[in-house]
Amino acid sequence: MKIAIFGGSFDPPHAGHQKIVEEILNSLQIEKLFIVPAYLNPFKTQTSAPSKLRLKWLKKLFTCKTIEVLDFEVNSRVSSATIVTIEYLKTLYNIEKIYLIVGADNLEFLKTWHRYEELEKMVEFVVASRDKIALPEELKKLSINVKISSSKLRSNMNTTFIPNEIKEDIEEFYKGNHEK
């Protein structure tokens, strides 16, 4: 089985995430795409929206049968390393190829990921371009350039880039005492 894994905080999910998913499905020959919301990104100290809510938003947004929004990291209730999620998936599926989708903004930190050397042998990294960041030639790239960031959306609560399927839920969540 050939799979792709697209993990992240998705805090909140936005049109850029949708474009990445569309490009993954159109350009990689896979049988399954796993979208994996982190309980807590190992490089962050907190999230704005609770993990269960981010999971709910993603499940509402991505309903295609080729896509599975995986609740493994959210249900673990701890910050989880990508390699642990991959090991979990390998216990469930006969996986022959794994594409790991990473944003260009994460490239400089890849070597600091938990058990990076093992991870590098298990997956083929595929980069989603972002903000015109220069990418190494040897890496497979998605032919998109995402210019949207969840943190920027939270800071100015511009819902223009929030998909209609979840826009009302996200607007409701960020009202009141949450980040604006």
Protein backbone atom coordinates (compact mmCIF):
# COMPACT_ATOMS: atom_id res chain seq x y z
CA MET A 1 0.00 0.00 0.00
CA LYS A 2 1.27 3.47 -0.90
CA ILE A 3 0.29 6.20 1.53
CA ALA A 4 0.93 9.84 2.27
CA ILE A 5 0.93 11.42 5.71
CA PHE A 6 0.11 15.08 6.19
CA GLY A 7 0.48 16.08 9.82
CA GLY A 8 0.24 19.39 11.58
CA SER A 9 -1.47 21.46 14.20
CA PHE A 10 -4.26 22.59 11.82
CA ASP A 11 -5.02 25.40 14.27
CA PRO A 12 -7.30 26.19 12.43
CA PRO A 13 -7.54 24.25 9.16
CA HIS A 14 -7.60 26.61 6.17
CA ALA A 15 -7.77 26.80 2.37
CA GLY A 16 -4.00 26.28 2.15
CA HIS A 17 -4.40 22.88 3.83
CA GLN A 18 -7.18 22.08 1.35
CA LYS A 19 -4.93 22.99 -1.59
CA ILE A 20 -2.13 20.82 -0.24
CA VAL A 21 -4.53 17.88 0.13
CA GLU A 22 -5.84 18.36 -3.41
CA GLU A 23 -2.30 18.46 -4.79
CA ILE A 24 -1.30 15.34 -2.83
CA LEU A 25 -4.26 13.44 -4.26
CA ASN A 26 -3.59 14.71 -7.79
CA SER A 27 0.18 14.27 -7.92
CA LEU A 28 1.10 11.29 -5.73
CA GLN A 29 -0.09 7.85 -6.69
CA ILE A 30 -1.36 6.75 -3.30
CA GLU A 31 -4.12 4.56 -2.00
CA LYS A 32 -4.65 6.50 1.22
CA LEU A 33 -3.87 9.94 2.60
CA PHE A 34 -3.68 10.19 6.37
CA ILE A 35 -4.26 13.66 7.78
CA VAL A 36 -2.83 13.65 11.28
CA PRO A 37 -3.63 16.50 13.65
CA ALA A 38 -1.10 16.75 16.45
CA TYR A 39 -2.27 16.69 20.04
CA LEU A 40 0.55 19.18 20.59
CA ASN A 41 3.34 19.89 18.12
CA PRO A 42 6.62 18.82 19.80
CA PHE A 43 8.07 22.24 18.93
CA LYS A 44 5.20 24.25 20.44
CA THR A 45 4.04 24.77 24.00
CA GLN A 46 0.32 25.17 23.34
CA THR A 47 -2.42 25.36 20.74
CA SER A 48 -5.25 27.81 20.47
CA ALA A 49 -8.01 25.31 19.73
CA PRO A 50 -8.24 22.04 21.70
CA SER A 51 -7.06 18.94 19.85
CA LYS A 52 -10.49 17.25 19.80
CA LEU A 53 -12.02 20.34 18.20
CA ARG A 54 -9.29 20.53 15.53
CA LEU A 55 -9.88 16.82 14.85
CA LYS A 56 -13.63 17.48 14.48
CA TRP A 57 -13.00 20.35 12.06
CA LEU A 58 -10.73 18.18 9.91
CA LYS A 59 -13.22 15.29 9.83
CA LYS A 60 -15.92 17.70 8.74
CA LEU A 61 -13.67 19.20 6.06
CA PHE A 62 -12.13 16.05 4.55
CA THR A 63 -14.73 13.40 3.74
CA CYS A 64 -13.25 11.77 0.62
CA LYS A 65 -12.88 7.98 0.96
CA THR A 66 -9.18 8.19 0.01
CA ILE A 67 -8.60 10.40 3.06
CA GLU A 68 -8.55 9.31 6.67
CA VAL A 69 -8.28 11.89 9.42
CA LEU A 70 -6.27 9.89 11.93
CA ASP A 71 -7.05 10.44 15.62
CA PHE A 72 -4.00 8.54 16.90
CA GLU A 73 -1.96 11.55 18.08
CA VAL A 74 -4.99 13.40 19.47
CA ASN A 75 -6.09 10.33 21.43
CA SER A 76 -2.58 9.79 22.79
CA ARG A 77 -3.02 13.07 24.71
CA VAL A 78 0.73 13.73 24.59
CA SER A 79 3.05 15.43 22.16
CA SER A 80 3.88 12.68 19.68
CA ALA A 81 6.77 12.22 17.26
CA THR A 82 5.97 11.54 13.61
CA ILE A 83 7.93 8.30 13.66
CA VAL A 84 5.67 6.93 16.42
CA THR A 85 2.62 7.60 14.25
CA ILE A 86 4.30 5.87 11.30
CA GLU A 87 5.14 2.85 13.45
CA TYR A 88 1.50 2.73 14.55
CA LEU A 89 0.25 2.83 10.94
CA LYS A 90 2.66 0.04 10.02
CA THR A 91 0.96 -2.21 12.59
CA LEU A 92 -2.39 -1.62 10.84
CA TYR A 93 -1.48 -1.66 7.16
CA ASN A 94 0.90 -3.44 4.81
CA ILE A 95 2.73 -0.28 3.74
CA GLU A 96 5.26 -0.38 0.92
CA LYS A 97 5.75 3.38 0.39
CA ILE A 98 5.27 6.39 2.65
CA TYR A 99 5.30 9.98 1.46
CA LEU A 100 5.65 12.39 4.36
CA ILE A 101 4.36 15.85 3.52
CA VAL A 102 6.23 18.71 5.19
CA GLY A 103 5.90 22.44 4.80
CA ALA A 104 8.93 24.29 3.44
CA ASP A 105 8.98 26.26 6.69
CA ASN A 106 9.76 23.02 8.57
CA LEU A 107 12.72 21.93 6.43
CA GLU A 108 15.37 23.65 8.53
CA PHE A 109 14.14 21.77 11.63
CA LEU A 110 13.79 18.28 10.10
CA LYS A 111 17.09 17.02 11.45
CA THR A 112 15.97 17.91 14.97
CA TRP A 113 12.91 15.64 14.73
CA HIS A 114 12.83 12.66 17.07
CA ARG A 115 14.71 9.69 15.52
CA TYR A 116 15.23 11.64 12.31
CA GLU A 117 17.81 9.20 10.89
CA GLU A 118 15.32 6.33 11.14
CA LEU A 119 12.51 8.47 9.79
CA GLU A 120 14.59 9.48 6.78
CA LYS A 121 15.03 5.80 5.85
CA MET A 122 11.30 5.06 6.21
CA VAL A 123 9.76 7.87 4.18
CA GLU A 124 10.14 10.00 1.11
CA PHE A 125 9.79 13.64 2.09
CA VAL A 126 7.49 15.72 -0.11
CA VAL A 127 7.61 19.47 0.38
CA ALA A 128 4.72 21.91 0.19
CA SER A 129 6.27 25.22 -0.89
CA ARG A 130 5.63 28.22 1.28
CA ASP A 131 6.50 31.90 1.13
CA LYS A 132 9.07 31.43 -1.66
CA ILE A 133 11.43 29.47 0.61
CA ALA A 134 14.28 27.95 -1.44
CA LEU A 135 14.00 24.16 -1.64
CA PRO A 136 16.76 21.59 -2.13
CA GLU A 137 16.71 20.12 -5.65
CA GLU A 138 16.72 16.50 -4.46
CA LEU A 139 13.39 16.78 -2.63
CA LYS A 140 10.06 15.93 -4.25
CA LYS A 141 7.83 18.99 -4.29
CA LEU A 142 4.12 19.64 -4.54
CA SER A 143 3.49 22.18 -7.28
CA ILE A 144 1.76 24.73 -5.09
CA ASN A 145 2.91 27.67 -2.99
CA VAL A 146 0.89 28.17 0.18
CA LYS A 147 0.81 31.75 1.37
CA ILE A 148 -1.62 31.21 4.23
CA SER A 149 -0.65 30.56 7.84
CA SER A 150 -2.91 29.43 10.67
CA SER A 151 -1.18 31.79 13.11
CA LYS A 152 -1.81 34.78 10.82
CA LEU A 153 -5.45 33.76 10.43
CA ARG A 154 -5.84 33.56 14.22
CA SER A 155 -4.13 36.89 14.83
CA ASN A 156 -6.42 38.89 12.55
CA MET A 157 -9.35 36.41 12.46
CA ASN A 158 -9.72 36.84 8.73
CA THR A 159 -12.05 34.00 7.76
CA THR A 160 -11.64 34.58 4.01
CA PHE A 161 -9.32 31.57 3.85
CA ILE A 162 -11.40 29.33 6.11
CA PRO A 163 -13.34 26.71 4.12
CA ASN A 164 -17.12 27.17 4.15
CA GLU A 165 -17.66 23.68 5.60
CA ILE A 166 -16.07 24.77 8.90
CA LYS A 167 -16.19 28.58 8.78
CA GLU A 168 -19.13 28.98 11.18
CA ASP A 169 -17.57 26.56 13.71
CA ILE A 170 -14.26 28.40 13.63
CA GLU A 171 -15.82 31.86 13.89
CA GLU A 172 -17.84 30.67 16.89
CA PHE A 173 -14.78 29.21 18.60
CA TYR A 174 -12.66 32.34 18.21
CA LYS A 175 -15.33 34.68 19.59
CA GLY A 176 -14.96 35.83 23.18
CA ASN A 177 -11.69 35.31 25.01
CA HIS A 178 -9.87 33.37 22.31
CA GLU A 179 -7.12 34.81 20.08
CA LYS A 180 -8.38 37.42 17.70
